[in-house]
Amino acid sequence: MKISIIVPAFNEEKLLGASLARMQAAMVAFQQRGWETELIVCNNNSTDRTGEIALAAGAKVVFEPFNQIARARNTGAAAATGAWLVFVDADSHPSAELFADVAEQILSGRCLAGGATMRLDEKLLVAGLIAWLWNYASRMGRWLAGSFIFVETAGFRQLGGFSNEMFAGEELELSQRLKKHARATGRRVVVLHRHPLVTSARKLRLYTLWDYAKLLVRVTWNRRTLTRREDCTIWYDGRR
């Protein structure tokens, strides 16, 4: 068995080094089972030291010139050689316990894909409420957060990966297709919750509730909003 950890990264020099160190420490959960692992960073046209930091950490670095989260994840996946893919955002810290839970799902033979609930790395009242609401919706609807997704490589490639048409919400669109495929093949999509993923609260600190409310209104009015980068500035304006 081989597991590929894929990290999309655009101008992540501030957080990437610590995140990769945490991922490498957590990968022992796979290695203790005798499984091979590889760590792949997709440098998504960064203008800072993202690529250098990834190379210094011992990761395999691939380059994607077009700034788009879905495309960066797909480019990283194209370079992967593992039987399973684990997508982790560059500002997130999975634990060995979370990876061990992933291994258990893989070994069950019944899982096609999965995600995890999240815990923010800062105590912010409103942000904490938003995270709680997301975790509840994620578990109830089996919606996978883009910050952490694991999926069987064969199934991921059969479905065509993340949609390159979407600049945001691509993980929800993929979740829908994964759930449909799982039903058709007698398998399941799960959301792990015993050991939440620790992830950065920076987007909930850098942007106001009004910013998110405006985006929600635009998306509700026109779903095509998520296919236009100019309407998804929260993800692409470069604030770090």
C-alpha atoms as a PDB file:
ATOM      1  CA  MET A   1       0.000   0.000   0.000  1.00  0.00           C
ATOM      2  CA  LYS A   2       1.193   3.502  -0.811  1.00  0.00           C
ATOM      3  CA  ILE A   3      -0.334   6.758   0.379  1.00  0.00           C
ATOM      4  CA  SER A   4       0.198  10.080  -1.405  1.00  0.00           C
ATOM      5  CA  ILE A   5      -0.184  13.265   0.644  1.00  0.00           C
ATOM      6  CA  ILE A   6      -0.939  16.212  -1.662  1.00  0.00           C
ATOM      7  CA  VAL A   7      -0.622  19.826  -0.562  1.00  0.00           C
ATOM      8  CA  PRO A   8      -1.755  22.677  -2.864  1.00  0.00           C
ATOM      9  CA  ALA A   9       0.158  25.854  -1.998  1.00  0.00           C
ATOM     10  CA  PHE A  10      -0.024  29.439  -3.253  1.00  0.00           C
ATOM     11  CA  ASN A  11       2.270  31.936  -1.470  1.00  0.00           C
ATOM     12  CA  GLU A  12       2.315  29.883   1.728  1.00  0.00           C
ATOM     13  CA  GLU A  13       5.832  30.650   2.984  1.00  0.00           C
ATOM     14  CA  LYS A  14       4.524  31.774   6.394  1.00  0.00           C
ATOM     15  CA  LEU A  15       2.768  28.532   7.301  1.00  0.00           C
ATOM     16  CA  LEU A  16       3.982  25.820   4.948  1.00  0.00           C
ATOM     17  CA  GLY A  17       7.129  24.750   6.816  1.00  0.00           C
ATOM     18  CA  ALA A  18       5.324  24.056  10.082  1.00  0.00           C
ATOM     19  CA  SER A  19       2.438  22.354   8.270  1.00  0.00           C
ATOM     20  CA  LEU A  20       4.721  20.000   6.335  1.00  0.00           C
ATOM     21  CA  ALA A  21       6.585  19.113   9.535  1.00  0.00           C
ATOM     22  CA  ARG A  22       3.280  18.181  11.199  1.00  0.00           C
ATOM     23  CA  MET A  23       2.224  16.116   8.180  1.00  0.00           C
ATOM     24  CA  GLN A  24       5.525  14.241   8.122  1.00  0.00           C
ATOM     25  CA  ALA A  25       5.228  13.479  11.825  1.00  0.00           C
ATOM     26  CA  ALA A  26       1.668  12.244  11.316  1.00  0.00           C
ATOM     27  CA  MET A  27       2.662  10.001   8.393  1.00  0.00           C
ATOM     28  CA  VAL A  28       4.180   7.578  10.926  1.00  0.00           C
ATOM     29  CA  ALA A  29       0.635   6.215  11.313  1.00  0.00           C
ATOM     30  CA  PHE A  30       0.910   4.838   7.772  1.00  0.00           C
ATOM     31  CA  GLN A  31       4.576   3.899   7.975  1.00  0.00           C
ATOM     32  CA  GLN A  32       4.043   1.805  11.134  1.00  0.00           C
ATOM     33  CA  ARG A  33       1.760  -0.391   9.057  1.00  0.00           C
ATOM     34  CA  GLY A  34       4.542  -0.955   6.545  1.00  0.00           C
ATOM     35  CA  TRP A  35       2.910   1.350   3.994  1.00  0.00           C
ATOM     36  CA  GLU A  36       4.894   3.602   1.686  1.00  0.00           C
ATOM     37  CA  THR A  37       4.236   7.331   1.731  1.00  0.00           C
ATOM     38  CA  GLU A  38       5.042  10.300  -0.465  1.00  0.00           C
ATOM     39  CA  LEU A  39       4.585  14.005   0.162  1.00  0.00           C
ATOM     40  CA  ILE A  40       3.752  16.152  -2.870  1.00  0.00           C
ATOM     41  CA  VAL A  41       3.466  19.944  -2.836  1.00  0.00           C
ATOM     42  CA  CYS A  42       1.881  21.643  -5.822  1.00  0.00           C
ATOM     43  CA  ASN A  43       3.407  25.107  -6.069  1.00  0.00           C
ATOM     44  CA  ASN A  44       0.501  27.027  -7.579  1.00  0.00           C
ATOM     45  CA  ASN A  45       2.434  29.836  -9.283  1.00  0.00           C
ATOM     46  CA  SER A  46       3.740  31.268  -6.006  1.00  0.00           C
ATOM     47  CA  THR A  47       5.805  34.439  -5.979  1.00  0.00           C
ATOM     48  CA  ASP A  48       7.375  33.797  -2.564  1.00  0.00           C
ATOM     49  CA  ARG A  49       9.563  30.999  -1.107  1.00  0.00           C
ATOM     50  CA  THR A  50       6.840  28.337  -1.144  1.00  0.00           C
ATOM     51  CA  GLY A  51       8.714  26.063  -3.573  1.00  0.00           C
ATOM     52  CA  GLU A  52      12.020  26.402  -1.728  1.00  0.00           C
ATOM     53  CA  ILE A  53      10.429  25.587   1.617  1.00  0.00           C
ATOM     54  CA  ALA A  54       8.732  22.501   0.194  1.00  0.00           C
ATOM     55  CA  LEU A  55      11.977  21.235  -1.355  1.00  0.00           C
ATOM     56  CA  ALA A  56      13.878  21.857   1.884  1.00  0.00           C
ATOM     57  CA  ALA A  57      11.271  19.774   3.717  1.00  0.00           C
ATOM     58  CA  GLY A  58      11.939  16.849   1.383  1.00  0.00           C
ATOM     59  CA  ALA A  59       8.669  17.049  -0.517  1.00  0.00           C
ATOM     60  CA  LYS A  60       8.284  16.331  -4.201  1.00  0.00           C
ATOM     61  CA  VAL A  61       7.377  19.671  -5.785  1.00  0.00           C
ATOM     62  CA  VAL A  62       5.290  20.056  -8.926  1.00  0.00           C
ATOM     63  CA  PHE A  63       4.307  23.353 -10.534  1.00  0.00           C
ATOM     64  CA  GLU A  64       0.906  24.541 -11.676  1.00  0.00           C
ATOM     65  CA  PRO A  65       1.039  27.938 -13.444  1.00  0.00           C
ATOM     66  CA  PHE A  66      -2.701  28.663 -13.353  1.00  0.00           C
ATOM     67  CA  ASN A  67      -3.935  29.988 -10.016  1.00  0.00           C
ATOM     68  CA  GLN A  68      -6.858  27.767  -9.137  1.00  0.00           C
ATOM     69  CA  ILE A  69      -7.252  25.521  -6.089  1.00  0.00           C
ATOM     70  CA  ALA A  70      -8.973  22.704  -7.992  1.00  0.00           C
ATOM     71  CA  ARG A  71      -6.324  22.704 -10.703  1.00  0.00           C
ATOM     72  CA  ALA A  72      -3.508  22.712  -8.121  1.00  0.00           C
ATOM     73  CA  ARG A  73      -4.989  19.677  -6.386  1.00  0.00           C
ATOM     74  CA  ASN A  74      -5.452  17.877  -9.707  1.00  0.00           C
ATOM     75  CA  THR A  75      -1.864  18.636 -10.773  1.00  0.00           C
ATOM     76  CA  GLY A  76      -0.580  17.230  -7.492  1.00  0.00           C
ATOM     77  CA  ALA A  77      -2.766  14.152  -7.911  1.00  0.00           C
ATOM     78  CA  ALA A  78      -1.477  13.606 -11.461  1.00  0.00           C
ATOM     79  CA  ALA A  79       2.051  13.265 -10.048  1.00  0.00           C
ATOM     80  CA  ALA A  80       0.979  10.856  -7.285  1.00  0.00           C
ATOM     81  CA  THR A  81       1.804   7.158  -7.377  1.00  0.00           C
ATOM     82  CA  GLY A  82      -0.121   6.032  -4.296  1.00  0.00           C
ATOM     83  CA  ALA A  83      -3.209   3.829  -4.202  1.00  0.00           C
ATOM     84  CA  TRP A  84      -4.844   6.457  -2.004  1.00  0.00           C
ATOM     85  CA  LEU A  85      -4.656  10.247  -2.124  1.00  0.00           C
ATOM     86  CA  VAL A  86      -4.849  12.482   0.936  1.00  0.00           C
ATOM     87  CA  PHE A  87      -5.363  16.179   0.167  1.00  0.00           C
ATOM     88  CA  VAL A  88      -4.312  18.494   2.996  1.00  0.00           C
ATOM     89  CA  ASP A  89      -4.299  22.288   2.835  1.00  0.00           C
ATOM     90  CA  ALA A  90      -1.038  24.125   3.414  1.00  0.00           C
ATOM     91  CA  ASP A  91      -2.348  25.806   6.567  1.00  0.00           C
ATOM     92  CA  SER A  92      -3.560  22.604   8.232  1.00  0.00           C
ATOM     93  CA  HIS A  93      -2.079  20.145  10.747  1.00  0.00           C
ATOM     94  CA  PRO A  94      -3.302  16.535  10.657  1.00  0.00           C
ATOM     95  CA  SER A  95      -2.360  14.312  13.578  1.00  0.00           C
ATOM     96  CA  ALA A  96      -1.043  10.758  13.596  1.00  0.00           C
ATOM     97  CA  GLU A  97      -4.337   9.756  15.211  1.00  0.00           C
ATOM     98  CA  LEU A  98      -6.315  11.215  12.300  1.00  0.00           C
ATOM     99  CA  PHE A  99      -4.123   9.407   9.789  1.00  0.00           C
ATOM    100  CA  ALA A 100      -4.594   6.200  11.800  1.00  0.00           C
ATOM    101  CA  ASP A 101      -8.362   6.632  11.467  1.00  0.00           C
ATOM    102  CA  VAL A 102      -7.878   7.060   7.708  1.00  0.00           C
ATOM    103  CA  ALA A 103      -5.863   3.823   7.624  1.00  0.00           C
ATOM    104  CA  GLU A 104      -8.677   1.990   9.403  1.00  0.00           C
ATOM    105  CA  GLN A 105     -11.164   3.166   6.787  1.00  0.00           C
ATOM    106  CA  ILE A 106      -8.858   2.032   3.979  1.00  0.00           C
ATOM    107  CA  LEU A 107      -8.393  -1.378   5.589  1.00  0.00           C
ATOM    108  CA  SER A 108     -12.152  -1.822   5.984  1.00  0.00           C
ATOM    109  CA  GLY A 109     -12.442  -2.201   2.204  1.00  0.00           C
ATOM    110  CA  ARG A 110     -15.812  -0.432   2.288  1.00  0.00           C
ATOM    111  CA  CYS A 111     -14.693   3.194   2.041  1.00  0.00           C
ATOM    112  CA  LEU A 112     -14.312   5.126  -1.197  1.00  0.00           C
ATOM    113  CA  ALA A 113     -13.463   8.528   0.267  1.00  0.00           C
ATOM    114  CA  GLY A 114     -13.723  10.645   3.375  1.00  0.00           C
ATOM    115  CA  GLY A 115     -12.971  13.843   5.194  1.00  0.00           C
ATOM    116  CA  ALA A 116     -12.715  15.088   8.752  1.00  0.00           C
ATOM    117  CA  THR A 117     -14.241  17.624  11.055  1.00  0.00           C
ATOM    118  CA  MET A 118     -12.050  20.621  11.847  1.00  0.00           C
ATOM    119  CA  ARG A 119     -10.796  22.563  14.834  1.00  0.00           C
ATOM    120  CA  LEU A 120      -9.535  26.110  14.402  1.00  0.00           C
ATOM    121  CA  ASP A 121      -6.087  27.052  15.699  1.00  0.00           C
ATOM    122  CA  GLU A 122      -7.429  30.256  17.284  1.00  0.00           C
ATOM    123  CA  LYS A 123     -10.230  30.846  19.756  1.00  0.00           C
ATOM    124  CA  LEU A 124     -12.521  33.269  17.938  1.00  0.00           C
ATOM    125  CA  LEU A 125     -16.155  33.314  19.011  1.00  0.00           C
ATOM    126  CA  VAL A 126     -17.865  33.826  15.653  1.00  0.00           C
ATOM    127  CA  ALA A 127     -15.319  31.698  13.802  1.00  0.00           C
ATOM    128  CA  GLY A 128     -15.804  28.925  16.340  1.00  0.00           C
ATOM    129  CA  LEU A 129     -19.563  29.025  15.768  1.00  0.00           C
ATOM    130  CA  ILE A 130     -19.094  28.851  12.004  1.00  0.00           C
ATOM    131  CA  ALA A 131     -16.735  25.890  12.414  1.00  0.00           C
ATOM    132  CA  TRP A 132     -19.258  24.119  14.661  1.00  0.00           C
ATOM    133  CA  LEU A 133     -22.052  24.652  12.145  1.00  0.00           C
ATOM    134  CA  TRP A 134     -19.852  23.386   9.307  1.00  0.00           C
ATOM    135  CA  ASN A 135     -18.816  20.287  11.282  1.00  0.00           C
ATOM    136  CA  TYR A 136     -22.466  19.480  11.969  1.00  0.00           C
ATOM    137  CA  ALA A 137     -23.469  19.917   8.318  1.00  0.00           C
ATOM    138  CA  SER A 138     -20.420  17.978   7.160  1.00  0.00           C
ATOM    139  CA  ARG A 139     -21.202  14.948   9.316  1.00  0.00           C
ATOM    140  CA  MET A 140     -24.925  14.967   8.568  1.00  0.00           C
ATOM    141  CA  GLY A 141     -24.553  15.413   4.809  1.00  0.00           C
ATOM    142  CA  ARG A 142     -21.144  13.773   4.384  1.00  0.00           C
ATOM    143  CA  TRP A 143     -19.788  16.944   2.783  1.00  0.00           C
ATOM    144  CA  LEU A 144     -15.993  16.933   2.606  1.00  0.00           C
ATOM    145  CA  ALA A 145     -14.019  20.047   3.572  1.00  0.00           C
ATOM    146  CA  GLY A 146     -11.299  20.865   1.043  1.00  0.00           C
ATOM    147  CA  SER A 147      -8.763  21.203   3.855  1.00  0.00           C
ATOM    148  CA  PHE A 148      -8.757  17.395   4.275  1.00  0.00           C
ATOM    149  CA  ILE A 149      -9.987  14.792   1.806  1.00  0.00           C
ATOM    150  CA  PHE A 150      -8.833  11.211   1.372  1.00  0.00           C
ATOM    151  CA  VAL A 151      -9.926   9.177  -1.625  1.00  0.00           C
ATOM    152  CA  GLU A 152      -9.039   5.986  -3.472  1.00  0.00           C
ATOM    153  CA  THR A 153      -6.910   7.011  -6.438  1.00  0.00           C
ATOM    154  CA  ALA A 154      -8.714   4.805  -8.950  1.00  0.00           C
ATOM    155  CA  GLY A 155     -12.104   6.256  -8.011  1.00  0.00           C
ATOM    156  CA  PHE A 156     -10.787   9.813  -8.022  1.00  0.00           C
ATOM    157  CA  ARG A 157      -9.376   9.402 -11.522  1.00  0.00           C
ATOM    158  CA  GLN A 158     -12.451   7.624 -12.794  1.00  0.00           C
ATOM    159  CA  LEU A 159     -14.530  10.621 -11.728  1.00  0.00           C
ATOM    160  CA  GLY A 160     -12.110  13.084 -13.323  1.00  0.00           C
ATOM    161  CA  GLY A 161     -10.895  14.655 -10.063  1.00  0.00           C
ATOM    162  CA  PHE A 162     -11.862  18.157  -8.966  1.00  0.00           C
ATOM    163  CA  SER A 163     -13.769  20.285 -11.448  1.00  0.00           C
ATOM    164  CA  ASN A 164     -11.456  22.705 -13.226  1.00  0.00           C
ATOM    165  CA  GLU A 165     -14.473  24.907 -13.897  1.00  0.00           C
ATOM    166  CA  MET A 166     -14.794  25.887 -10.242  1.00  0.00           C
ATOM    167  CA  PHE A 167     -12.730  28.458  -8.355  1.00  0.00           C
ATOM    168  CA  ALA A 168     -14.402  27.715  -5.017  1.00  0.00           C
ATOM    169  CA  GLY A 169     -16.724  25.022  -3.696  1.00  0.00           C
ATOM    170  CA  GLU A 170     -14.972  22.385  -5.790  1.00  0.00           C
ATOM    171  CA  GLU A 171     -14.795  20.060  -2.766  1.00  0.00           C
ATOM    172  CA  LEU A 172     -18.588  20.148  -2.385  1.00  0.00           C
ATOM    173  CA  GLU A 173     -19.119  19.390  -6.051  1.00  0.00           C
ATOM    174  CA  LEU A 174     -16.667  16.479  -5.784  1.00  0.00           C
ATOM    175  CA  SER A 175     -18.392  15.291  -2.598  1.00  0.00           C
ATOM    176  CA  GLN A 176     -21.660  15.015  -4.494  1.00  0.00           C
ATOM    177  CA  ARG A 177     -20.091  12.928  -7.244  1.00  0.00           C
ATOM    178  CA  LEU A 178     -18.229  10.739  -4.750  1.00  0.00           C
ATOM    179  CA  LYS A 179     -21.412   9.988  -2.800  1.00  0.00           C
ATOM    180  CA  LYS A 180     -23.241   9.043  -5.989  1.00  0.00           C
ATOM    181  CA  HIS A 181     -20.357   6.797  -7.084  1.00  0.00           C
ATOM    182  CA  ALA A 182     -20.169   5.211  -3.632  1.00  0.00           C
ATOM    183  CA  ARG A 183     -23.881   4.328  -3.728  1.00  0.00           C
ATOM    184  CA  ALA A 184     -23.489   2.814  -7.181  1.00  0.00           C
ATOM    185  CA  THR A 185     -20.541   0.659  -6.099  1.00  0.00           C
ATOM    186  CA  GLY A 186     -21.758  -0.394  -2.654  1.00  0.00           C
ATOM    187  CA  ARG A 187     -19.186   1.661  -0.780  1.00  0.00           C
ATOM    188  CA  ARG A 188     -19.338   4.713   1.457  1.00  0.00           C
ATOM    189  CA  VAL A 189     -18.100   8.253   2.011  1.00  0.00           C
ATOM    190  CA  VAL A 190     -17.303   9.075   5.634  1.00  0.00           C
ATOM    191  CA  VAL A 191     -16.506  12.127   7.756  1.00  0.00           C
ATOM    192  CA  LEU A 192     -14.126  11.283  10.597  1.00  0.00           C
ATOM    193  CA  HIS A 193     -14.632  13.131  13.882  1.00  0.00           C
ATOM    194  CA  ARG A 194     -12.655  11.490  16.679  1.00  0.00           C
ATOM    195  CA  HIS A 195      -9.513  13.493  15.886  1.00  0.00           C
ATOM    196  CA  PRO A 196     -10.403  16.759  14.099  1.00  0.00           C
ATOM    197  CA  LEU A 197      -8.035  18.422  11.667  1.00  0.00           C
ATOM    198  CA  VAL A 198      -6.403  21.516  13.134  1.00  0.00           C
ATOM    199  CA  THR A 199      -6.616  24.276  10.539  1.00  0.00           C
ATOM    200  CA  SER A 200      -5.883  27.983  10.372  1.00  0.00           C
ATOM    201  CA  ALA A 201      -8.573  30.484  11.297  1.00  0.00           C
ATOM    202  CA  ARG A 202      -6.932  33.176   9.199  1.00  0.00           C
ATOM    203  CA  LYS A 203      -9.679  33.450   6.570  1.00  0.00           C
ATOM    204  CA  LEU A 204     -12.228  34.027   9.306  1.00  0.00           C
ATOM    205  CA  ARG A 205      -9.920  36.658  10.789  1.00  0.00           C
ATOM    206  CA  LEU A 206      -8.905  38.392   7.548  1.00  0.00           C
ATOM    207  CA  TYR A 207     -12.430  38.753   6.162  1.00  0.00           C
ATOM    208  CA  THR A 208     -15.594  40.103   7.758  1.00  0.00           C
ATOM    209  CA  LEU A 209     -18.967  38.453   8.101  1.00  0.00           C
ATOM    210  CA  TRP A 210     -20.174  41.012   5.554  1.00  0.00           C
ATOM    211  CA  ASP A 211     -17.623  39.667   3.040  1.00  0.00           C
ATOM    212  CA  TYR A 212     -18.973  36.157   3.496  1.00  0.00           C
ATOM    213  CA  ALA A 213     -22.599  37.324   3.477  1.00  0.00           C
ATOM    214  CA  LYS A 214     -22.115  39.077   0.139  1.00  0.00           C
ATOM    215  CA  LEU A 215     -20.556  35.931  -1.327  1.00  0.00           C
ATOM    216  CA  LEU A 216     -23.413  33.785  -0.002  1.00  0.00           C
ATOM    217  CA  VAL A 217     -25.991  36.074  -1.577  1.00  0.00           C
ATOM    218  CA  ARG A 218     -24.190  35.999  -4.938  1.00  0.00           C
ATOM    219  CA  VAL A 219     -23.901  32.205  -4.862  1.00  0.00           C
ATOM    220  CA  THR A 220     -27.559  31.794  -3.869  1.00  0.00           C
ATOM    221  CA  TRP A 221     -28.623  34.101  -6.694  1.00  0.00           C
ATOM    222  CA  ASN A 222     -26.293  32.552  -9.288  1.00  0.00           C
ATOM    223  CA  ARG A 223     -24.365  29.300  -8.790  1.00  0.00           C
ATOM    224  CA  ARG A 224     -22.078  30.284 -11.667  1.00  0.00           C
ATOM    225  CA  THR A 225     -20.476  32.728  -9.238  1.00  0.00           C
ATOM    226  CA  LEU A 226     -18.169  29.924  -8.076  1.00  0.00           C
ATOM    227  CA  THR A 227     -16.874  29.452 -11.626  1.00  0.00           C
ATOM    228  CA  ARG A 228     -15.532  33.033 -11.854  1.00  0.00           C
ATOM    229  CA  ARG A 229     -12.290  33.870 -10.078  1.00  0.00           C
ATOM    230  CA  GLU A 230     -13.169  37.582  -9.859  1.00  0.00           C
ATOM    231  CA  ASP A 231     -16.163  36.611  -7.687  1.00  0.00           C
ATOM    232  CA  CYS A 232     -14.058  34.400  -5.397  1.00  0.00           C
ATOM    233  CA  THR A 233     -11.580  36.959  -4.093  1.00  0.00           C
ATOM    234  CA  ILE A 234     -11.606  35.453  -0.583  1.00  0.00           C
ATOM    235  CA  TRP A 235      -9.526  32.623  -2.009  1.00  0.00           C
ATOM    236  CA  TYR A 236      -7.500  34.498  -4.625  1.00  0.00           C
ATOM    237  CA  ASP A 237      -6.696  38.042  -3.509  1.00  0.00           C
ATOM    238  CA  GLY A 238      -3.453  36.933  -1.875  1.00  0.00           C
ATOM    239  CA  ARG A 239      -4.153  38.002   1.717  1.00  0.00           C
ATOM    240  CA  ARG A 240      -2.107  35.905   4.138  1.00  0.00           C
END
